[in-house]
PDB file of N, CA and C in Angstrom:
ATOM      1  N   MET A   1     -30.981 -21.068 -20.626  1.00  0.00           N
ATOM      2  CA  MET A   1     -30.105 -21.198 -19.462  1.00  0.00           C
ATOM      3  C   MET A   1     -29.677 -19.808 -18.998  1.00  0.00           C
ATOM      4  N   SER A   2     -29.896 -19.529 -17.740  1.00  0.00           N
ATOM      5  CA  SER A   2     -29.550 -18.201 -17.234  1.00  0.00           C
ATOM      6  C   SER A   2     -28.140 -18.180 -16.671  1.00  0.00           C
ATOM      7  N   ARG A   3     -27.569 -17.009 -16.648  1.00  0.00           N
ATOM      8  CA  ARG A   3     -26.213 -16.871 -16.118  1.00  0.00           C
ATOM      9  C   ARG A   3     -26.224 -16.801 -14.589  1.00  0.00           C
ATOM     10  N   ASN A   4     -27.339 -16.432 -14.019  1.00  0.00           N
ATOM     11  CA  ASN A   4     -27.428 -16.277 -12.569  1.00  0.00           C
ATOM     12  C   ASN A   4     -27.979 -17.519 -11.888  1.00  0.00           C
ATOM     13  N   ASN A   5     -27.473 -18.674 -12.264  1.00  0.00           N
ATOM     14  CA  ASN A   5     -27.919 -19.874 -11.566  1.00  0.00           C
ATOM     15  C   ASN A   5     -27.018 -20.116 -10.352  1.00  0.00           C
ATOM     16  N   GLU A   6     -27.428 -21.020  -9.493  1.00  0.00           N
ATOM     17  CA  GLU A   6     -26.737 -21.256  -8.227  1.00  0.00           C
ATOM     18  C   GLU A   6     -25.268 -21.617  -8.410  1.00  0.00           C
ATOM     19  N   LYS A   7     -24.984 -22.443  -9.393  1.00  0.00           N
ATOM     20  CA  LYS A   7     -23.610 -22.904  -9.623  1.00  0.00           C
ATOM     21  C   LYS A   7     -22.691 -21.725  -9.957  1.00  0.00           C
ATOM     22  N   ASN A   8     -23.158 -20.856 -10.841  1.00  0.00           N
ATOM     23  CA  ASN A   8     -22.335 -19.705 -11.240  1.00  0.00           C
ATOM     24  C   ASN A   8     -22.164 -18.704 -10.110  1.00  0.00           C
ATOM     25  N   ILE A   9     -23.212 -18.504  -9.332  1.00  0.00           N
ATOM     26  CA  ILE A   9     -23.132 -17.591  -8.193  1.00  0.00           C
ATOM     27  C   ILE A   9     -22.127 -18.125  -7.180  1.00  0.00           C
ATOM     28  N   LYS A  10     -22.182 -19.420  -6.891  1.00  0.00           N
ATOM     29  CA  LYS A  10     -21.257 -20.038  -5.930  1.00  0.00           C
ATOM     30  C   LYS A  10     -19.820 -19.925  -6.431  1.00  0.00           C
ATOM     31  N   LYS A  11     -19.619 -20.189  -7.714  1.00  0.00           N
ATOM     32  CA  LYS A  11     -18.279 -20.122  -8.304  1.00  0.00           C
ATOM     33  C   LYS A  11     -17.711 -18.708  -8.168  1.00  0.00           C
ATOM     34  N   HIS A  12     -18.553 -17.722  -8.455  1.00  0.00           N
ATOM     35  CA  HIS A  12     -18.128 -16.320  -8.361  1.00  0.00           C
ATOM     36  C   HIS A  12     -17.786 -15.946  -6.922  1.00  0.00           C
ATOM     37  N   ASN A  13     -18.635 -16.331  -5.969  1.00  0.00           N
ATOM     38  CA  ASN A  13     -18.409 -16.004  -4.567  1.00  0.00           C
ATOM     39  C   ASN A  13     -17.146 -16.665  -4.038  1.00  0.00           C
ATOM     40  N   ASP A  14     -16.910 -17.912  -4.430  1.00  0.00           N
ATOM     41  CA  ASP A  14     -15.691 -18.607  -4.001  1.00  0.00           C
ATOM     42  C   ASP A  14     -14.451 -17.884  -4.513  1.00  0.00           C
ATOM     43  N   LYS A  15     -14.502 -17.479  -5.756  1.00  0.00           N
ATOM     44  CA  LYS A  15     -13.378 -16.764  -6.363  1.00  0.00           C
ATOM     45  C   LYS A  15     -13.145 -15.429  -5.641  1.00  0.00           C
ATOM     46  N   LEU A  16     -14.227 -14.731  -5.357  1.00  0.00           N
ATOM     47  CA  LEU A  16     -14.156 -13.439  -4.680  1.00  0.00           C
ATOM     48  C   LEU A  16     -13.585 -13.591  -3.278  1.00  0.00           C
ATOM     49  N   HIS A  17     -14.094 -14.574  -2.520  1.00  0.00           N
ATOM     50  CA  HIS A  17     -13.628 -14.767  -1.152  1.00  0.00           C
ATOM     51  C   HIS A  17     -12.170 -15.206  -1.120  1.00  0.00           C
ATOM     52  N   LYS A  18     -11.755 -15.983  -2.093  1.00  0.00           N
ATOM     53  CA  LYS A  18     -10.359 -16.414  -2.171  1.00  0.00           C
ATOM     54  C   LYS A  18      -9.454 -15.202  -2.387  1.00  0.00           C
ATOM     55  N   ALA A  19      -9.858 -14.320  -3.265  1.00  0.00           N
ATOM     56  CA  ALA A  19      -9.075 -13.111  -3.538  1.00  0.00           C
ATOM     57  C   ALA A  19      -9.017 -12.214  -2.309  1.00  0.00           C
ATOM     58  N   GLN A  20     -10.155 -12.075  -1.610  1.00  0.00           N
ATOM     59  CA  GLN A  20     -10.202 -11.231  -0.420  1.00  0.00           C
ATOM     60  C   GLN A  20      -9.329 -11.793   0.687  1.00  0.00           C
ATOM     61  N   SER A  21      -9.338 -13.105   0.879  1.00  0.00           N
ATOM     62  CA  SER A  21      -8.525 -13.704   1.932  1.00  0.00           C
ATOM     63  C   SER A  21      -7.043 -13.598   1.594  1.00  0.00           C
ATOM     64  N   LYS A  22      -6.714 -13.656   0.315  1.00  0.00           N
ATOM     65  CA  LYS A  22      -5.325 -13.504  -0.119  1.00  0.00           C
ATOM     66  C   LYS A  22      -4.816 -12.098   0.230  1.00  0.00           C
ATOM     67  N   ILE A  23      -5.634 -11.101  -0.007  1.00  0.00           N
ATOM     68  CA  ILE A  23      -5.281  -9.715   0.307  1.00  0.00           C
ATOM     69  C   ILE A  23      -5.115  -9.544   1.815  1.00  0.00           C
ATOM     70  N   LYS A  24      -6.051 -10.127   2.568  1.00  0.00           N
ATOM     71  CA  LYS A  24      -6.013 -10.016   4.025  1.00  0.00           C
ATOM     72  C   LYS A  24      -4.754 -10.677   4.590  1.00  0.00           C
ATOM     73  N   ASP A  25      -4.397 -11.857   4.068  1.00  0.00           N
ATOM     74  CA  ASP A  25      -3.191 -12.558   4.518  1.00  0.00           C
ATOM     75  C   ASP A  25      -1.937 -11.734   4.223  1.00  0.00           C
ATOM     76  N   ALA A  26      -1.890 -11.115   3.058  1.00  0.00           N
ATOM     77  CA  ALA A  26      -0.739 -10.294   2.678  1.00  0.00           C
ATOM     78  C   ALA A  26      -0.611  -9.097   3.615  1.00  0.00           C
ATOM     79  N   GLU A  27      -1.745  -8.509   3.991  1.00  0.00           N
ATOM     80  CA  GLU A  27      -1.754  -7.370   4.907  1.00  0.00           C
ATOM     81  C   GLU A  27      -1.213  -7.766   6.276  1.00  0.00           C
ATOM     82  N   ILE A  28      -1.658  -8.902   6.779  1.00  0.00           N
ATOM     83  CA  ILE A  28      -1.208  -9.392   8.084  1.00  0.00           C
ATOM     84  C   ILE A  28       0.296  -9.664   8.047  1.00  0.00           C
ATOM     85  N   LEU A  29       0.769 -10.287   6.994  1.00  0.00           N
ATOM     86  CA  LEU A  29       2.192 -10.586   6.847  1.00  0.00           C
ATOM     87  C   LEU A  29       3.017  -9.298   6.829  1.00  0.00           C
ATOM     88  N   ARG A  30       2.531  -8.302   6.122  1.00  0.00           N
ATOM     89  CA  ARG A  30       3.217  -7.016   6.043  1.00  0.00           C
ATOM     90  C   ARG A  30       3.327  -6.371   7.424  1.00  0.00           C
ATOM     91  N   LYS A  31       2.242  -6.416   8.194  1.00  0.00           N
ATOM     92  CA  LYS A  31       2.254  -5.839   9.541  1.00  0.00           C
ATOM     93  C   LYS A  31       3.231  -6.563  10.449  1.00  0.00           C
ATOM     94  N   GLU A  32       3.297  -7.895  10.341  1.00  0.00           N
ATOM     95  CA  GLU A  32       4.223  -8.670  11.166  1.00  0.00           C
ATOM     96  C   GLU A  32       5.673  -8.327  10.825  1.00  0.00           C
ATOM     97  N   LYS A  33       5.980  -8.186   9.542  1.00  0.00           N
ATOM     98  CA  LYS A  33       7.333  -7.820   9.125  1.00  0.00           C
ATOM     99  C   LYS A  33       7.700  -6.437   9.652  1.00  0.00           C
ATOM    100  N   LEU A  34       6.755  -5.519   9.595  1.00  0.00           N
ATOM    101  CA  LEU A  34       6.989  -4.165  10.088  1.00  0.00           C
ATOM    102  C   LEU A  34       7.283  -4.174  11.584  1.00  0.00           C
ATOM    103  N   LYS A  35       6.540  -4.992  12.346  1.00  0.00           N
ATOM    104  CA  LYS A  35       6.788  -5.113  13.781  1.00  0.00           C
ATOM    105  C   LYS A  35       8.196  -5.604  14.059  1.00  0.00           C
ATOM    106  N   GLU A  36       8.649  -6.604  13.285  1.00  0.00           N
ATOM    107  CA  GLU A  36      10.002  -7.144  13.454  1.00  0.00           C
ATOM    108  C   GLU A  36      11.055  -6.077  13.163  1.00  0.00           C
ATOM    109  N   ILE A  37      10.845  -5.314  12.104  1.00  0.00           N
ATOM    110  CA  ILE A  37      11.797  -4.262  11.725  1.00  0.00           C
ATOM    111  C   ILE A  37      11.864  -3.202  12.827  1.00  0.00           C
ATOM    112  N   ILE A  38      10.718  -2.812  13.349  1.00  0.00           N
ATOM    113  CA  ILE A  38      10.664  -1.807  14.414  1.00  0.00           C
ATOM    114  C   ILE A  38      11.368  -2.324  15.662  1.00  0.00           C
ATOM    115  N   LYS A  39      11.138  -3.599  15.985  1.00  0.00           N
ATOM    116  CA  LYS A  39      11.772  -4.203  17.154  1.00  0.00           C
ATOM    117  C   LYS A  39      13.307  -4.186  17.010  1.00  0.00           C
ATOM    118  N   LYS A  40      13.807  -4.568  15.855  1.00  0.00           N
ATOM    119  CA  LYS A  40      15.241  -4.562  15.610  1.00  0.00           C
ATOM    120  C   LYS A  40      15.817  -3.154  15.665  1.00  0.00           C
ATOM    121  N   PHE A  41      15.097  -2.194  15.121  1.00  0.00           N
ATOM    122  CA  PHE A  41      15.536  -0.809  15.118  1.00  0.00           C
ATOM    123  C   PHE A  41      15.629  -0.274  16.551  1.00  0.00           C
ATOM    124  N   ASN A  42      14.638  -0.598  17.374  1.00  0.00           N
ATOM    125  CA  ASN A  42      14.629  -0.135  18.768  1.00  0.00           C
ATOM    126  C   ASN A  42      15.731  -0.785  19.594  1.00  0.00           C
ATOM    127  N   GLN A  43      16.088  -2.019  19.261  1.00  0.00           N
ATOM    128  CA  GLN A  43      17.164  -2.700  19.991  1.00  0.00           C
ATOM    129  C   GLN A  43      18.513  -2.055  19.704  1.00  0.00           C
ATOM    130  N   LYS A  44      18.691  -1.527  18.499  1.00  0.00           N
ATOM    131  CA  LYS A  44      19.965  -0.914  18.122  1.00  0.00           C
ATOM    132  C   LYS A  44      20.184   0.401  18.855  1.00  0.00           C
ATOM    133  N   GLN A  45      19.119   1.087  19.207  1.00  0.00           N
ATOM    134  CA  GLN A  45      19.260   2.387  19.855  1.00  0.00           C
ATOM    135  C   GLN A  45      19.487   2.293  21.333  1.00  0.00           C
TER     136      GLN A  45
END
């Protein structure tokens, strides 16, 4: 039985894509929070 069969490759890719999308979502959330902070800061001035 080889380690590089279709099932294992699919499992690995799913895990990888899940991790990548998690990072991407966190990045987007961070940018949105930063925009809100900047908006509030500009309103105070």
